Structure formats: C-alpha cells, structure tokens
Amino acid sequence: IEYKEENRMSVQSVAIVFGPTLLRPAGEEANMAMHMVFQNQVVE
C-alpha cells in the first residue's frame, strides 16, 4: 500500500482482493454480498 501511487493498490483495493479470501463463513450462506462489505472492512 505504501507504493499505491505506482501499483494502484490502495487500502480499499487490497481489502477487496483479500477480504473474501482471508475471512469467510463456514457455510456458503445466501447473504454473501452482505458479508462481503464487512469482510473487506475487517481487512481494511
């Protein structure tokens, strides 16, 4: 993120990429879209 000027990876971008990968619920429940926002917020 320190190099976001060169790599265009802001905190938000990194969170969007890694949120769903690092945190996910045990069951793939229906409210995935709702979780997504919070997963990203946790990483951010």
All heavy atoms as atom14 arrays in JSON, in Angstrom:
{
  "sequence": "IEYKEENRMSVQSVAIVFGPTLLRPAGEEANMAMHMVFQNQVVE",
  "atom14_mask": [
    [1, 1, 1, 1, 1, 1, 1, 1, 0, 0, 0, 0, 0, 0],
    [1, 1, 1, 1, 1, 1, 1, 1, 1, 0, 0, 0, 0, 0],
    [1, 1, 1, 1, 1, 1, 1, 1, 1, 1, 1, 1, 0, 0],
    [1, 1, 1, 1, 1, 1, 1, 1, 1, 0, 0, 0, 0, 0],
    [1, 1, 1, 1, 1, 1, 1, 1, 1, 0, 0, 0, 0, 0],
    [1, 1, 1, 1, 1, 1, 1, 1, 1, 0, 0, 0, 0, 0],
    [1, 1, 1, 1, 1, 1, 1, 1, 0, 0, 0, 0, 0, 0],
    [1, 1, 1, 1, 1, 1, 1, 1, 1, 1, 1, 0, 0, 0],
    [1, 1, 1, 1, 1, 1, 1, 1, 0, 0, 0, 0, 0, 0],
    [1, 1, 1, 1, 1, 1, 0, 0, 0, 0, 0, 0, 0, 0],
    [1, 1, 1, 1, 1, 1, 1, 0, 0, 0, 0, 0, 0, 0],
    [1, 1, 1, 1, 1, 1, 1, 1, 1, 0, 0, 0, 0, 0],
    [1, 1, 1, 1, 1, 1, 0, 0, 0, 0, 0, 0, 0, 0],
    [1, 1, 1, 1, 1, 1, 1, 0, 0, 0, 0, 0, 0, 0],
    [1, 1, 1, 1, 1, 0, 0, 0, 0, 0, 0, 0, 0, 0],
    [1, 1, 1, 1, 1, 1, 1, 1, 0, 0, 0, 0, 0, 0],
    [1, 1, 1, 1, 1, 1, 1, 0, 0, 0, 0, 0, 0, 0],
    [1, 1, 1, 1, 1, 1, 1, 1, 1, 1, 1, 0, 0, 0],
    [1, 1, 1, 1, 0, 0, 0, 0, 0, 0, 0, 0, 0, 0],
    [1, 1, 1, 1, 1, 1, 1, 0, 0, 0, 0, 0, 0, 0],
    [1, 1, 1, 1, 1, 1, 1, 0, 0, 0, 0, 0, 0, 0],
    [1, 1, 1, 1, 1, 1, 1, 1, 0, 0, 0, 0, 0, 0],
    [1, 1, 1, 1, 1, 1, 1, 1, 0, 0, 0, 0, 0, 0],
    [1, 1, 1, 1, 1, 1, 1, 1, 1, 1, 1, 0, 0, 0],
    [1, 1, 1, 1, 1, 1, 1, 0, 0, 0, 0, 0, 0, 0],
    [1, 1, 1, 1, 1, 0, 0, 0, 0, 0, 0, 0, 0, 0],
    [1, 1, 1, 1, 0, 0, 0, 0, 0, 0, 0, 0, 0, 0],
    [1, 1, 1, 1, 1, 1, 1, 1, 1, 0, 0, 0, 0, 0],
    [1, 1, 1, 1, 1, 1, 1, 1, 1, 0, 0, 0, 0, 0],
    [1, 1, 1, 1, 1, 0, 0, 0, 0, 0, 0, 0, 0, 0],
    [1, 1, 1, 1, 1, 1, 1, 1, 0, 0, 0, 0, 0, 0],
    [1, 1, 1, 1, 1, 1, 1, 1, 0, 0, 0, 0, 0, 0],
    [1, 1, 1, 1, 1, 0, 0, 0, 0, 0, 0, 0, 0, 0],
    [1, 1, 1, 1, 1, 1, 1, 1, 0, 0, 0, 0, 0, 0],
    [1, 1, 1, 1, 1, 1, 1, 1, 1, 1, 0, 0, 0, 0],
    [1, 1, 1, 1, 1, 1, 1, 1, 0, 0, 0, 0, 0, 0],
    [1, 1, 1, 1, 1, 1, 1, 0, 0, 0, 0, 0, 0, 0],
    [1, 1, 1, 1, 1, 1, 1, 1, 1, 1, 1, 0, 0, 0],
    [1, 1, 1, 1, 1, 1, 1, 1, 1, 0, 0, 0, 0, 0],
    [1, 1, 1, 1, 1, 1, 1, 1, 0, 0, 0, 0, 0, 0],
    [1, 1, 1, 1, 1, 1, 1, 1, 1, 0, 0, 0, 0, 0],
    [1, 1, 1, 1, 1, 1, 1, 0, 0, 0, 0, 0, 0, 0],
    [1, 1, 1, 1, 1, 1, 1, 0, 0, 0, 0, 0, 0, 0],
    [1, 1, 1, 1, 1, 1, 1, 1, 1, 0, 0, 0, 0, 0]
  ],
  "atom14_positions": [
    [[0.83, -1.21, 0.0], [0.0, 0.0, 0.0], [0.86, 1.26, 0.0], [0.47, 2.29, -0.57], [-0.97, -0.03, 1.2], [-1.99, -1.15, 1.01], [-1.69, 1.3, 1.38], [-2.66, -1.61, 2.29], [0.0, 0.0, 0.0], [0.0, 0.0, 0.0], [0.0, 0.0, 0.0], [0.0, 0.0, 0.0], [0.0, 0.0, 0.0], [0.0, 0.0, 0.0]],
    [[2.04, 1.19, 0.62], [2.95, 2.35, 0.62], [3.29, 2.78, -0.81], [3.64, 3.93, -1.04], [4.25, 2.02, 1.37], [4.11, 2.04, 2.87], [5.38, 1.55, 3.56], [6.47, 1.63, 2.94], [5.27, 1.08, 4.72], [0.0, 0.0, 0.0], [0.0, 0.0, 0.0], [0.0, 0.0, 0.0], [0.0, 0.0, 0.0], [0.0, 0.0, 0.0]],
    [[3.21, 1.85, -1.75], [3.55, 2.14, -3.15], [2.32, 2.29, -4.01], [2.35, 2.04, -5.21], [4.46, 1.04, -3.71], [5.8, 1.0, -3.01], [6.02, 0.17, -1.92], [6.84, 1.83, -3.43], [7.24, 0.14, -1.26], [8.07, 1.82, -2.78], [8.26, 0.98, -1.7], [9.46, 0.97, -1.05], [0.0, 0.0, 0.0], [0.0, 0.0, 0.0]],
    [[1.2, 2.71, -3.4], [-0.07, 2.75, -4.15], [-0.02, 3.68, -5.35], [-0.75, 3.48, -6.31], [-1.23, 3.08, -3.23], [-1.2, 4.45, -2.58], [-2.5, 4.68, -1.81], [-2.52, 6.0, -1.1], [-1.85, 5.99, 0.2], [0.0, 0.0, 0.0], [0.0, 0.0, 0.0], [0.0, 0.0, 0.0], [0.0, 0.0, 0.0], [0.0, 0.0, 0.0]],
    [[0.83, 4.71, -5.32], [0.96, 5.6, -6.49], [1.42, 4.8, -7.7], [0.95, 5.01, -8.81], [1.93, 6.75, -6.21], [1.56, 7.65, -5.03], [0.13, 8.17, -5.09], [-0.33, 8.51, -6.2], [-0.54, 8.22, -4.03], [0.0, 0.0, 0.0], [0.0, 0.0, 0.0], [0.0, 0.0, 0.0], [0.0, 0.0, 0.0], [0.0, 0.0, 0.0]],
    [[2.36, 3.87, -7.49], [2.89, 3.08, -8.61], [2.02, 1.87, -8.93], [1.84, 1.53, -10.09], [4.31, 2.57, -8.3], [5.37, 3.65, -8.2], [5.57, 4.12, -6.75], [6.32, 3.46, -6.01], [4.98, 5.15, -6.38], [0.0, 0.0, 0.0], [0.0, 0.0, 0.0], [0.0, 0.0, 0.0], [0.0, 0.0, 0.0], [0.0, 0.0, 0.0]],
    [[1.51, 1.2, -7.89], [0.82, -0.07, -8.15], [-0.71, 0.02, -8.1], [-1.39, -0.96, -8.33], [1.32, -1.15, -7.17], [1.02, -0.81, -5.71], [0.09, -0.07, -5.4], [1.83, -1.34, -4.81], [0.0, 0.0, 0.0], [0.0, 0.0, 0.0], [0.0, 0.0, 0.0], [0.0, 0.0, 0.0], [0.0, 0.0, 0.0], [0.0, 0.0, 0.0]],
    [[-1.23, 1.22, -7.79], [-2.67, 1.46, -7.72], [-3.38, 0.53, -6.73], [-4.56, 0.25, -6.88], [-3.33, 1.36, -9.11], [-2.79, 2.39, -10.11], [-3.67, 2.52, -11.33], [-3.79, 1.29, -12.1], [-2.85, 0.81, -12.91], [-1.72, 1.46, -13.06], [-3.06, -0.3, -13.59], [0.0, 0.0, 0.0], [0.0, 0.0, 0.0], [0.0, 0.0, 0.0]],
    [[-2.63, 0.04, -5.72], [-3.24, -0.81, -4.7], [-3.42, 0.0, -3.41], [-2.52, 0.08, -2.59], [-2.38, -2.05, -4.44], [-2.41, -3.07, -5.58], [-4.07, -3.65, -6.03], [-4.4, -4.81, -4.71], [0.0, 0.0, 0.0], [0.0, 0.0, 0.0], [0.0, 0.0, 0.0], [0.0, 0.0, 0.0], [0.0, 0.0, 0.0], [0.0, 0.0, 0.0]],
    [[-4.59, 0.61, -3.27], [-4.91, 1.36, -2.06], [-5.33, 0.36, -0.98], [-5.48, -0.83, -1.25], [-6.06, 2.32, -2.34], [-7.21, 1.58, -2.67], [0.0, 0.0, 0.0], [0.0, 0.0, 0.0], [0.0, 0.0, 0.0], [0.0, 0.0, 0.0], [0.0, 0.0, 0.0], [0.0, 0.0, 0.0], [0.0, 0.0, 0.0], [0.0, 0.0, 0.0]],
    [[-5.53, 0.87, 0.23], [-6.04, 0.02, 1.31], [-7.33, -0.65, 0.85], [-7.53, -1.86, 1.05], [-6.29, 0.86, 2.59], [-6.96, 0.02, 3.66], [-4.99, 1.43, 3.11], [0.0, 0.0, 0.0], [0.0, 0.0, 0.0], [0.0, 0.0, 0.0], [0.0, 0.0, 0.0], [0.0, 0.0, 0.0], [0.0, 0.0, 0.0], [0.0, 0.0, 0.0]],
    [[-8.22, 0.12, 0.2], [-9.5, -0.41, -0.25], [-9.31, -1.53, -1.27], [-9.96, -2.57, -1.18], [-10.38, 0.7, -0.85], [-10.89, 1.71, 0.15], [-9.88, 2.81, 0.46], [-8.76, 2.82, -0.06], [-10.27, 3.75, 1.32], [0.0, 0.0, 0.0], [0.0, 0.0, 0.0], [0.0, 0.0, 0.0], [0.0, 0.0, 0.0], [0.0, 0.0, 0.0]],
    [[-8.41, -1.31, -2.23], [-8.17, -2.33, -3.26], [-7.66, -3.63, -2.65], [-8.13, -4.71, -3.01], [-7.14, -1.86, -4.29], [-7.33, -0.52, -4.62], [0.0, 0.0, 0.0], [0.0, 0.0, 0.0], [0.0, 0.0, 0.0], [0.0, 0.0, 0.0], [0.0, 0.0, 0.0], [0.0, 0.0, 0.0], [0.0, 0.0, 0.0], [0.0, 0.0, 0.0]],
    [[-6.71, -3.5, -1.74], [-6.15, -4.69, -1.09], [-7.23, -5.41, -0.3], [-7.34, -6.64, -0.34], [-4.95, -4.31, -0.18], [-4.52, -5.49, 0.68], [-3.78, -3.81, -1.03], [0.0, 0.0, 0.0], [0.0, 0.0, 0.0], [0.0, 0.0, 0.0], [0.0, 0.0, 0.0], [0.0, 0.0, 0.0], [0.0, 0.0, 0.0], [0.0, 0.0, 0.0]],
    [[-8.08, -4.64, 0.39], [-9.16, -5.23, 1.18], [-10.16, -5.98, 0.3], [-10.63, -7.06, 0.66], [-9.86, -4.15, 2.0], [0.0, 0.0, 0.0], [0.0, 0.0, 0.0], [0.0, 0.0, 0.0], [0.0, 0.0, 0.0], [0.0, 0.0, 0.0], [0.0, 0.0, 0.0], [0.0, 0.0, 0.0], [0.0, 0.0, 0.0], [0.0, 0.0, 0.0]],
    [[-10.45, -5.4, -0.87], [-11.39, -6.04, -1.8], [-10.81, -7.36, -2.32], [-11.51, -8.36, -2.45], [-11.74, -5.09, -2.97], [-12.65, -3.97, -2.46], [-12.4, -5.85, -4.12], [-12.78, -2.8, -3.42], [0.0, 0.0, 0.0], [0.0, 0.0, 0.0], [0.0, 0.0, 0.0], [0.0, 0.0, 0.0], [0.0, 0.0, 0.0], [0.0, 0.0, 0.0]],
    [[-9.5, -7.36, -2.57], [-8.83, -8.56, -3.08], [-8.73, -9.64, -2.0], [-8.97, -10.81, -2.26], [-7.43, -8.21, -3.64], [-6.63, -9.46, -3.95], [-7.55, -7.34, -4.88], [0.0, 0.0, 0.0], [0.0, 0.0, 0.0], [0.0, 0.0, 0.0], [0.0, 0.0, 0.0], [0.0, 0.0, 0.0], [0.0, 0.0, 0.0], [0.0, 0.0, 0.0]],
    [[-8.36, -9.23, -0.78], [-8.06, -10.22, 0.26], [-9.19, -10.49, 1.24], [-9.19, -11.52, 1.91], [-6.78, -9.85, 1.01], [-5.54, -10.23, 0.27], [-4.89, -9.32, -0.56], [-5.02, -11.51, 0.38], [-3.76, -9.69, -1.26], [-3.88, -11.88, -0.31], [-3.25, -10.97, -1.14], [0.0, 0.0, 0.0], [0.0, 0.0, 0.0], [0.0, 0.0, 0.0]],
    [[-10.17, -9.58, 1.36], [-11.26, -9.77, 2.32], [-11.91, -11.14, 2.26], [-11.88, -11.91, 3.23], [0.0, 0.0, 0.0], [0.0, 0.0, 0.0], [0.0, 0.0, 0.0], [0.0, 0.0, 0.0], [0.0, 0.0, 0.0], [0.0, 0.0, 0.0], [0.0, 0.0, 0.0], [0.0, 0.0, 0.0], [0.0, 0.0, 0.0], [0.0, 0.0, 0.0]],
    [[-12.48, -11.5, 1.09], [-13.2, -12.77, 0.98], [-12.28, -14.0, 1.07], [-12.73, -15.1, 1.36], [-13.83, -12.71, -0.42], [-13.69, -11.29, -0.86], [-12.54, -10.7, -0.13], [0.0, 0.0, 0.0], [0.0, 0.0, 0.0], [0.0, 0.0, 0.0], [0.0, 0.0, 0.0], [0.0, 0.0, 0.0], [0.0, 0.0, 0.0], [0.0, 0.0, 0.0]],
    [[-10.97, -13.8, 0.82], [-10.02, -14.91, 0.87], [-9.6, -15.22, 2.3], [-9.43, -16.38, 2.67], [-8.76, -14.54, 0.04], [-9.18, -14.21, -1.29], [-7.77, -15.68, -0.02], [0.0, 0.0, 0.0], [0.0, 0.0, 0.0], [0.0, 0.0, 0.0], [0.0, 0.0, 0.0], [0.0, 0.0, 0.0], [0.0, 0.0, 0.0], [0.0, 0.0, 0.0]],
    [[-9.45, -14.18, 3.12], [-8.93, -14.37, 4.47], [-10.01, -14.61, 5.51], [-9.75, -15.2, 6.55], [-8.08, -13.15, 4.88], [-6.9, -12.84, 3.96], [-6.16, -11.6, 4.45], [-5.95, -14.03, 3.86], [0.0, 0.0, 0.0], [0.0, 0.0, 0.0], [0.0, 0.0, 0.0], [0.0, 0.0, 0.0], [0.0, 0.0, 0.0], [0.0, 0.0, 0.0]],
    [[-11.22, -14.11, 5.23], [-12.34, -14.33, 6.16], [-13.5, -14.84, 5.34], [-13.96, -14.16, 4.43], [-12.85, -13.01, 6.74], [-12.16, -12.17, 7.75], [-11.48, -11.03, 7.03], [-13.21, -11.63, 8.7], [0.0, 0.0, 0.0], [0.0, 0.0, 0.0], [0.0, 0.0, 0.0], [0.0, 0.0, 0.0], [0.0, 0.0, 0.0], [0.0, 0.0, 0.0]],
    [[-13.99, -16.03, 5.71], [-15.24, -16.46, 5.09], [-16.0, -17.33, 6.06], [-15.4, -18.0, 6.91], [-15.0, -17.16, 3.75], [-14.01, -18.27, 3.74], [-13.83, -18.86, 2.36], [-13.17, -20.14, 2.48], [-11.84, -20.28, 2.52], [-11.06, -19.23, 2.44], [-11.31, -21.47, 2.66], [0.0, 0.0, 0.0], [0.0, 0.0, 0.0], [0.0, 0.0, 0.0]],
    [[-17.32, -17.3, 5.95], [-18.14, -18.1, 6.87], [-18.01, -19.58, 6.55], [-17.63, -19.95, 5.44], [-19.56, -17.6, 6.61], [-19.53, -17.0, 5.25], [-18.13, -16.54, 4.99], [0.0, 0.0, 0.0], [0.0, 0.0, 0.0], [0.0, 0.0, 0.0], [0.0, 0.0, 0.0], [0.0, 0.0, 0.0], [0.0, 0.0, 0.0], [0.0, 0.0, 0.0]],
    [[-18.3, -20.42, 7.53], [-18.16, -21.87, 7.35], [-19.08, -22.38, 6.25], [-18.67, -23.14, 5.38], [-18.45, -22.59, 8.66], [0.0, 0.0, 0.0], [0.0, 0.0, 0.0], [0.0, 0.0, 0.0], [0.0, 0.0, 0.0], [0.0, 0.0, 0.0], [0.0, 0.0, 0.0], [0.0, 0.0, 0.0], [0.0, 0.0, 0.0], [0.0, 0.0, 0.0]],
    [[-20.35, -21.93, 6.25], [-21.27, -22.34, 5.2], [-21.36, -21.22, 4.19], [-21.31, -20.06, 4.55], [0.0, 0.0, 0.0], [0.0, 0.0, 0.0], [0.0, 0.0, 0.0], [0.0, 0.0, 0.0], [0.0, 0.0, 0.0], [0.0, 0.0, 0.0], [0.0, 0.0, 0.0], [0.0, 0.0, 0.0], [0.0, 0.0, 0.0], [0.0, 0.0, 0.0]],
    [[-21.46, -21.55, 2.92], [-21.61, -20.51, 1.91], [-23.06, -20.03, 1.93], [-23.84, -20.37, 1.06], [-21.25, -21.05, 0.52], [-19.81, -21.47, 0.39], [-18.84, -20.3, 0.59], [-19.03, -19.23, -0.03], [-17.88, -20.45, 1.37], [0.0, 0.0, 0.0], [0.0, 0.0, 0.0], [0.0, 0.0, 0.0], [0.0, 0.0, 0.0], [0.0, 0.0, 0.0]],
    [[-23.4, -19.25, 2.96], [-24.81, -18.88, 3.09], [-25.23, -17.81, 2.07], [-24.4, -17.23, 1.39], [-25.16, -18.45, 4.52], [-24.35, -17.31, 5.04], [-23.34, -17.76, 6.09], [-22.53, -18.64, 5.8], [-23.35, -17.18, 7.18], [0.0, 0.0, 0.0], [0.0, 0.0, 0.0], [0.0, 0.0, 0.0], [0.0, 0.0, 0.0], [0.0, 0.0, 0.0]],
    [[-26.53, -17.58, 2.02], [-27.12, -16.74, 0.98], [-26.69, -15.27, 1.07], [-26.6, -14.59, 0.06], [-28.64, -16.83, 1.03], [0.0, 0.0, 0.0], [0.0, 0.0, 0.0], [0.0, 0.0, 0.0], [0.0, 0.0, 0.0], [0.0, 0.0, 0.0], [0.0, 0.0, 0.0], [0.0, 0.0, 0.0], [0.0, 0.0, 0.0], [0.0, 0.0, 0.0]],
    [[-26.4, -14.79, 2.28], [-26.09, -13.37, 2.43], [-24.61, -13.06, 2.21], [-24.02, -12.27, 2.93], [-26.56, -12.85, 3.79], [-26.12, -13.75, 4.93], [-25.49, -14.77, 4.71], [-26.45, -13.36, 6.15], [0.0, 0.0, 0.0], [0.0, 0.0, 0.0], [0.0, 0.0, 0.0], [0.0, 0.0, 0.0], [0.0, 0.0, 0.0], [0.0, 0.0, 0.0]],
    [[-24.03, -13.68, 1.17], [-22.61, -13.47, 0.86], [-22.32, -12.0, 0.55], [-21.32, -11.46, 0.98], [-22.18, -14.34, -0.33], [-21.72, -15.73, 0.07], [-20.56, -15.76, 1.45], [-19.06, -15.23, 0.64], [0.0, 0.0, 0.0], [0.0, 0.0, 0.0], [0.0, 0.0, 0.0], [0.0, 0.0, 0.0], [0.0, 0.0, 0.0], [0.0, 0.0, 0.0]],
    [[-23.22, -11.37, -0.22], [-22.98, -9.98, -0.62], [-22.94, -9.07, 0.6], [-22.11, -8.17, 0.69], [-24.06, -9.52, -1.59], [0.0, 0.0, 0.0], [0.0, 0.0, 0.0], [0.0, 0.0, 0.0], [0.0, 0.0, 0.0], [0.0, 0.0, 0.0], [0.0, 0.0, 0.0], [0.0, 0.0, 0.0], [0.0, 0.0, 0.0], [0.0, 0.0, 0.0]],
    [[-23.81, -9.35, 1.55], [-23.83, -8.56, 2.78], [-22.53, -8.75, 3.56], [-21.94, -7.81, 4.06], [-25.03, -8.95, 3.63], [-25.22, -8.08, 4.84], [-26.11, -8.95, 6.14], [-24.81, -9.94, 6.85], [0.0, 0.0, 0.0], [0.0, 0.0, 0.0], [0.0, 0.0, 0.0], [0.0, 0.0, 0.0], [0.0, 0.0, 0.0], [0.0, 0.0, 0.0]],
    [[-22.08, -10.0, 3.62], [-20.83, -10.29, 4.33], [-19.64, -9.61, 3.67], [-18.74, -9.13, 4.34], [-20.57, -11.8, 4.37], [-21.29, -12.51, 5.45], [-21.4, -11.99, 6.73], [-21.92, -13.7, 5.47], [-22.08, -12.85, 7.47], [-22.42, -13.88, 6.74], [0.0, 0.0, 0.0], [0.0, 0.0, 0.0], [0.0, 0.0, 0.0], [0.0, 0.0, 0.0]],
    [[-19.63, -9.61, 2.34], [-18.51, -9.1, 1.57], [-18.07, -7.72, 2.06], [-16.89, -7.48, 2.26], [-18.9, -9.02, 0.09], [-17.72, -8.98, -0.82], [-17.11, -10.64, -1.1], [-17.76, -10.92, -2.72], [0.0, 0.0, 0.0], [0.0, 0.0, 0.0], [0.0, 0.0, 0.0], [0.0, 0.0, 0.0], [0.0, 0.0, 0.0], [0.0, 0.0, 0.0]],
    [[-19.04, -6.84, 2.24], [-18.74, -5.48, 2.69], [-17.98, -5.54, 4.01], [-16.96, -4.88, 4.18], [-20.05, -4.67, 2.88], [-19.76, -3.3, 3.46], [-20.79, -4.55, 1.56], [0.0, 0.0, 0.0], [0.0, 0.0, 0.0], [0.0, 0.0, 0.0], [0.0, 0.0, 0.0], [0.0, 0.0, 0.0], [0.0, 0.0, 0.0], [0.0, 0.0, 0.0]],
    [[-18.46, -6.36, 4.95], [-17.86, -6.42, 6.27], [-16.52, -7.15, 6.25], [-15.59, -6.76, 6.95], [-18.82, -7.06, 7.27], [-20.07, -6.23, 7.47], [-21.31, -6.71, 7.08], [-19.99, -4.95, 8.01], [-22.46, -5.93, 7.26], [-21.13, -4.17, 8.18], [-22.36, -4.66, 7.8], [0.0, 0.0, 0.0], [0.0, 0.0, 0.0], [0.0, 0.0, 0.0]],
    [[-16.41, -8.19, 5.4], [-15.13, -8.89, 5.27], [-14.05, -7.9, 4.84], [-12.95, -7.86, 5.39], [-15.23, -10.01, 4.23], [-16.0, -11.22, 4.71], [-16.49, -12.08, 3.55], [-17.4, -11.69, 2.84], [-15.91, -13.23, 3.36], [0.0, 0.0, 0.0], [0.0, 0.0, 0.0], [0.0, 0.0, 0.0], [0.0, 0.0, 0.0], [0.0, 0.0, 0.0]],
    [[-14.39, -7.09, 3.84], [-13.44, -6.11, 3.34], [-13.12, -5.06, 4.41], [-11.97, -4.64, 4.55], [-13.98, -5.43, 2.08], [-14.19, -6.42, 0.95], [-13.78, -7.58, 1.03], [-14.83, -5.98, -0.12], [0.0, 0.0, 0.0], [0.0, 0.0, 0.0], [0.0, 0.0, 0.0], [0.0, 0.0, 0.0], [0.0, 0.0, 0.0], [0.0, 0.0, 0.0]],
    [[-14.14, -4.66, 5.17], [-13.93, -3.65, 6.21], [-12.99, -4.17, 7.3], [-12.19, -3.41, 7.84], [-15.26, -3.22, 6.83], [-16.03, -2.25, 5.95], [-17.38, -1.86, 6.56], [-17.72, -2.26, 7.67], [-18.15, -1.09, 5.82], [0.0, 0.0, 0.0], [0.0, 0.0, 0.0], [0.0, 0.0, 0.0], [0.0, 0.0, 0.0], [0.0, 0.0, 0.0]],
    [[-13.1, -5.46, 7.61], [-12.21, -6.05, 8.62], [-10.77, -5.97, 8.14], [-9.88, -5.51, 8.86], [-12.6, -7.52, 8.95], [-11.53, -8.18, 9.82], [-13.96, -7.58, 9.64], [0.0, 0.0, 0.0], [0.0, 0.0, 0.0], [0.0, 0.0, 0.0], [0.0, 0.0, 0.0], [0.0, 0.0, 0.0], [0.0, 0.0, 0.0], [0.0, 0.0, 0.0]],
    [[-10.52, -6.39, 6.9], [-9.16, -6.37, 6.35], [-8.65, -4.93, 6.29], [-7.51, -4.64, 6.68], [-9.11, -7.04, 4.96], [-7.77, -6.83, 4.29], [-9.42, -8.53, 5.09], [0.0, 0.0, 0.0], [0.0, 0.0, 0.0], [0.0, 0.0, 0.0], [0.0, 0.0, 0.0], [0.0, 0.0, 0.0], [0.0, 0.0, 0.0], [0.0, 0.0, 0.0]],
    [[-9.51, -4.02, 5.85], [-9.14, -2.6, 5.76], [-8.76, -2.07, 7.14], [-7.76, -1.37, 7.3], [-10.34, -1.82, 5.19], [-9.97, -0.51, 4.58], [-11.17, 0.14, 3.87], [-11.9, -0.55, 3.12], [-11.35, 1.35, 4.08], [0.0, 0.0, 0.0], [0.0, 0.0, 0.0], [0.0, 0.0, 0.0], [0.0, 0.0, 0.0], [0.0, 0.0, 0.0]]
  ]
}
